[in-house]
Protein backbone atom coordinates (compact mmCIF):
# COMPACT_ATOMS: atom_id res chain seq x y z
CA MET A 1 0.00 0.00 0.00
CA PHE A 2 2.87 2.38 0.74
CA ILE A 3 4.16 1.96 -2.84
CA VAL A 4 0.81 3.13 -4.25
CA GLN A 5 0.76 6.16 -1.95
CA PHE A 6 4.38 6.96 -2.82
CA VAL A 7 3.48 6.91 -6.53
CA ILE A 8 0.52 9.22 -5.79
CA PHE A 9 2.91 11.54 -3.96
CA ILE A 10 5.42 11.58 -6.85
CA VAL A 11 2.88 11.88 -9.67
CA CYS A 12 0.36 14.22 -8.03
CA PHE A 13 1.74 16.05 -5.01
CA VAL A 14 5.28 16.86 -6.18
CA PRO A 15 4.18 18.64 -9.39
CA LEU A 16 1.29 20.33 -7.57
CA SER A 17 3.63 21.50 -4.80
CA LEU A 18 6.10 22.95 -7.28
CA ILE A 19 3.32 24.72 -9.17
CA ILE A 20 1.96 26.19 -5.92
CA HIS A 21 5.46 27.41 -5.03
CA GLU A 22 5.75 29.10 -8.44
CA LEU A 23 2.22 30.46 -8.07
CA GLY A 24 3.55 32.37 -5.06
CA HIS A 25 6.11 34.06 -7.30
CA ILE A 26 3.38 34.78 -9.88
CA VAL A 27 1.14 36.38 -7.24
CA GLY A 28 4.09 38.46 -5.99
CA ALA A 29 4.89 39.58 -9.53
CA ARG A 30 1.27 40.50 -10.28
CA LEU A 31 0.97 42.40 -6.99
CA ASN A 32 4.00 44.38 -8.18
CA LYS A 33 2.32 44.99 -11.54
CA ALA A 34 4.46 42.69 -13.70
CA THR A 35 3.30 42.87 -17.30
CA ASN A 36 5.07 39.76 -18.55
CA ILE A 37 5.15 36.56 -16.50
CA LYS A 38 6.36 33.23 -17.86
CA LEU A 39 5.81 29.93 -16.07
CA THR A 40 7.89 27.11 -17.55
CA ILE A 41 7.18 23.53 -16.51
CA GLY A 42 9.71 20.87 -17.43
CA THR A 43 12.64 20.79 -19.81
CA GLY A 44 13.21 19.84 -23.43
CA ARG A 45 11.02 20.48 -26.44
CA ILE A 46 7.89 22.65 -25.96
CA ILE A 47 4.75 20.54 -26.15
CA PHE A 48 2.21 23.17 -25.07
CA GLN A 49 2.05 26.90 -24.51
CA LYS A 50 -0.80 29.22 -23.69
CA SER A 51 -1.00 32.89 -22.80
CA CYS A 52 -3.66 34.16 -20.47
CA TYR A 53 -3.72 37.79 -19.36
CA TYR A 54 -0.15 38.62 -18.32
CA ILE A 55 0.94 35.00 -17.88
CA LYS A 56 2.48 32.72 -20.49
CA ILE A 57 2.51 29.02 -19.54
CA VAL A 58 5.03 26.80 -21.30
CA VAL A 59 4.98 23.02 -20.80
CA ARG A 60 7.98 21.05 -22.00
CA LEU A 61 8.40 17.36 -22.85
CA ILE A 62 10.15 16.18 -19.66
CA LEU A 63 7.69 17.43 -17.02
CA PHE A 64 9.39 16.36 -13.81
CA ILE A 65 12.65 18.23 -14.32
CA GLY A 66 12.56 21.94 -13.58
CA ILE A 67 9.90 24.51 -13.09
CA SER A 68 10.51 28.25 -13.04
CA THR A 69 8.87 31.63 -13.20
CA ALA A 70 10.27 34.78 -14.77
CA SER A 71 8.60 38.18 -14.55
CA HIS A 72 9.24 41.55 -16.16
CA ARG A 73 7.72 44.97 -16.57
CA THR A 74 8.76 48.17 -18.32
CA VAL A 75 9.88 49.83 -15.09
CA ARG A 76 12.51 47.74 -13.32
CA PHE A 77 11.54 46.08 -10.07
CA SER A 78 13.01 47.71 -6.97
CA HIS A 79 15.10 45.64 -4.56
CA ASN A 80 12.14 45.47 -2.17
CA GLU A 81 9.82 44.27 -4.95
CA LYS A 82 12.31 41.56 -6.02
CA PHE A 83 12.62 40.51 -2.37
CA PHE A 84 8.83 40.26 -2.07
CA ILE A 85 8.47 38.24 -5.28
CA ALA A 86 11.21 35.83 -4.15
CA LEU A 87 9.67 35.51 -0.67
CA LEU A 88 6.18 34.59 -1.82
CA GLY A 89 7.28 31.28 -3.39
CA PRO A 90 8.51 29.83 -0.09
CA VAL A 91 5.58 31.40 1.78
CA PHE A 92 3.10 29.61 -0.53
CA SER A 93 5.03 26.36 0.06
CA LEU A 94 4.77 26.87 3.83
CA LEU A 95 1.05 27.67 3.68
CA PHE A 96 0.41 24.60 1.51
CA ALA A 97 2.45 22.48 3.96
CA LEU A 98 0.31 23.74 6.85
CA LEU A 99 -2.91 23.02 4.94
CA LEU A 100 -1.74 19.50 4.05
CA CYS A 101 -0.62 18.89 7.64
CA LEU A 102 -4.03 19.90 8.98
CA LEU A 103 -5.75 17.65 6.43
CA TYR A 104 -3.46 14.79 7.43
CA ILE A 105 -3.99 15.27 11.18
CA PHE A 106 -7.74 15.89 11.19
CA TYR A 107 -9.20 14.27 8.08
CA ILE A 108 -7.13 11.98 5.86
CA ASN A 109 -4.46 9.78 7.39
CA TYR A 110 -2.64 8.76 4.14
CA ASP A 111 1.11 8.36 3.84
CA SER A 112 1.10 10.31 0.57
CA LEU A 113 -0.46 13.30 2.35
CA GLN A 114 2.15 13.11 5.10
CA LEU A 115 4.92 12.98 2.48
CA ALA A 116 3.32 15.94 0.70
CA TYR A 117 3.25 18.20 3.75
CA LEU A 118 6.81 17.22 4.67
CA PHE A 119 7.92 17.86 1.09
CA ASN A 120 6.35 21.34 1.13
CA LEU A 121 7.95 22.09 4.46
CA TRP A 122 11.27 20.99 2.93
CA LEU A 123 10.59 23.24 -0.11
CA PHE A 124 10.07 26.18 2.24
CA ILE A 125 13.25 25.51 4.24
CA ILE A 126 15.55 24.74 1.29
CA ASN A 127 14.33 27.79 -0.64
CA MET A 128 14.96 30.09 2.31
CA ILE A 129 18.62 29.01 2.53
CA PRO A 130 20.81 31.36 0.46
CA PHE A 131 22.79 29.28 -2.05
CA ARG A 132 23.72 29.32 -5.70
CA VAL A 133 24.72 26.46 -8.01
CA GLY A 134 26.06 27.76 -11.32
CA GLN A 135 23.46 30.16 -12.72
CA LYS A 136 20.67 28.74 -10.53
CA GLN A 137 20.03 30.38 -7.19
CA SER A 138 17.62 29.79 -4.35
CA ASP A 139 14.93 32.27 -3.37
CA GLY A 140 16.90 32.80 -0.16
CA TYR A 141 19.94 33.81 -2.22
CA THR A 142 17.83 36.29 -4.19
CA MET A 143 16.49 37.76 -0.95
CA TYR A 144 20.00 37.88 0.55
CA ARG A 145 21.26 39.79 -2.53
CA MET A 146 18.38 42.27 -2.32
CA ILE A 147 19.05 42.91 1.39
CA LYS A 148 22.74 43.36 0.65
CA LYS A 149 22.03 45.79 -2.21
CA ASN A 150 19.56 47.73 -0.03
CA THR A 151 22.16 48.12 2.73
CA LYS A 152 24.78 49.31 0.25
CA SER A 153 22.42 51.86 -1.31
CA ASN A 154 21.38 53.20 2.14
CA ARG A 155 24.95 54.05 3.14
């Protein structure tokens, strides 16, 4: 039975969790009046794309590897706005983790739900840690850079 629930976790909850994390960045960008937001799911050849309002969704062939959001507008985002956009991804992960935890504790005692809330908690924590690997950087690293730039500009 655990194998079935683990497959449900991998196939359903992991992609959903990553999309909810990116949705946090999208909400942050829209609250800061971004006019061009691109959500890319997967890697490889494009198999689907759709634009809706200010958001372009691109789905690539290999779905489970990589998901990202990029946002732009004519006026550059301030350091505080970039900080806010970076912060909302982990915050959405944390809120989703809390929701899943409550569901697990009070309503549905499934292993896949427990894995899902722990995974979202892990997403929150790992994204708050400032690190960079090559050109990829965590949300925490983006926030750290914005704080550092704000302190330099305030001197």
